[in-house]
Amino acid sequence: MSLEEAEKILSADDFTVREKAETTLRSGGSEALVILEQLVRSDDPEVRTRASRNATPTKTH
């Protein structure tokens, strides 16, 4: 699934579909981070929550 597709279906009715979209965005690197940073301002609370928990890059030591 492309990042654009994942962005569009992050608010899908089906839980499994939302989970797959979130996984795609989580693993999408810097391009996905730009999308996630926009989605944290979504009117949809489900989208905001999923975007918020993935919008911060994982720090590695």
Protein backbone atom coordinates (compact mmCIF):
# COMPACT_ATOMS: atom_id res chain seq x y z
CA MET A 1 0.00 0.00 0.00
CA SER A 2 1.31 3.45 -0.84
CA LEU A 3 1.61 6.22 1.72
CA GLU A 4 -1.12 8.13 -0.08
CA GLU A 5 -3.47 5.15 0.15
CA ALA A 6 -2.62 4.69 3.81
CA GLU A 7 -3.39 8.34 4.49
CA LYS A 8 -6.82 8.02 2.89
CA ILE A 9 -7.84 4.84 4.72
CA LEU A 10 -6.51 5.70 8.17
CA SER A 11 -10.11 6.51 9.11
CA ALA A 12 -11.65 3.38 7.56
CA ASP A 13 -14.52 1.67 9.37
CA ASP A 14 -12.62 -1.62 9.42
CA PHE A 15 -10.12 -1.91 12.30
CA THR A 16 -7.79 -4.21 10.35
CA VAL A 17 -7.64 -1.74 7.47
CA ARG A 18 -6.79 1.13 9.89
CA GLU A 19 -4.06 -0.99 11.49
CA LYS A 20 -2.49 -1.77 8.10
CA ALA A 21 -2.61 1.90 7.13
CA GLU A 22 -0.97 2.90 10.41
CA THR A 23 1.76 0.27 9.95
CA THR A 24 2.45 1.56 6.44
CA LEU A 25 2.74 5.14 7.68
CA ARG A 26 4.88 4.12 10.67
CA SER A 27 7.40 2.46 8.37
CA GLY A 28 7.29 5.12 5.66
CA GLY A 29 10.28 7.16 6.74
CA SER A 30 10.58 10.91 6.31
CA GLU A 31 7.94 11.06 3.58
CA ALA A 32 5.40 9.49 5.94
CA LEU A 33 6.48 11.80 8.75
CA VAL A 34 5.37 14.80 6.67
CA ILE A 35 1.96 13.18 6.15
CA LEU A 36 1.63 12.23 9.83
CA GLU A 37 2.48 15.77 10.94
CA GLN A 38 -0.43 17.01 8.83
CA LEU A 39 -2.78 14.30 10.07
CA VAL A 40 -2.27 15.23 13.74
CA ARG A 41 -4.49 18.24 12.95
CA SER A 42 -7.30 16.10 11.49
CA ASP A 43 -10.89 16.65 12.57
CA ASP A 44 -11.23 12.88 12.96
CA PRO A 45 -10.19 11.80 16.48
CA GLU A 46 -9.16 8.31 15.30
CA VAL A 47 -6.85 9.77 12.65
CA ARG A 48 -5.42 12.30 15.13
CA THR A 49 -4.67 9.58 17.67
CA ARG A 50 -3.01 7.25 15.19
CA ALA A 51 -1.02 10.07 13.60
CA SER A 52 0.07 11.50 16.96
CA ARG A 53 1.54 8.26 18.20
CA ASN A 54 3.56 7.87 15.00
CA ALA A 55 4.50 11.48 14.15
CA THR A 56 7.58 11.53 16.37
CA PRO A 57 10.61 9.82 14.86
CA THR A 58 11.96 6.91 16.90
CA LYS A 59 15.22 7.79 18.56
CA THR A 60 18.04 5.28 18.40
CA HIS A 61 21.16 5.26 20.53
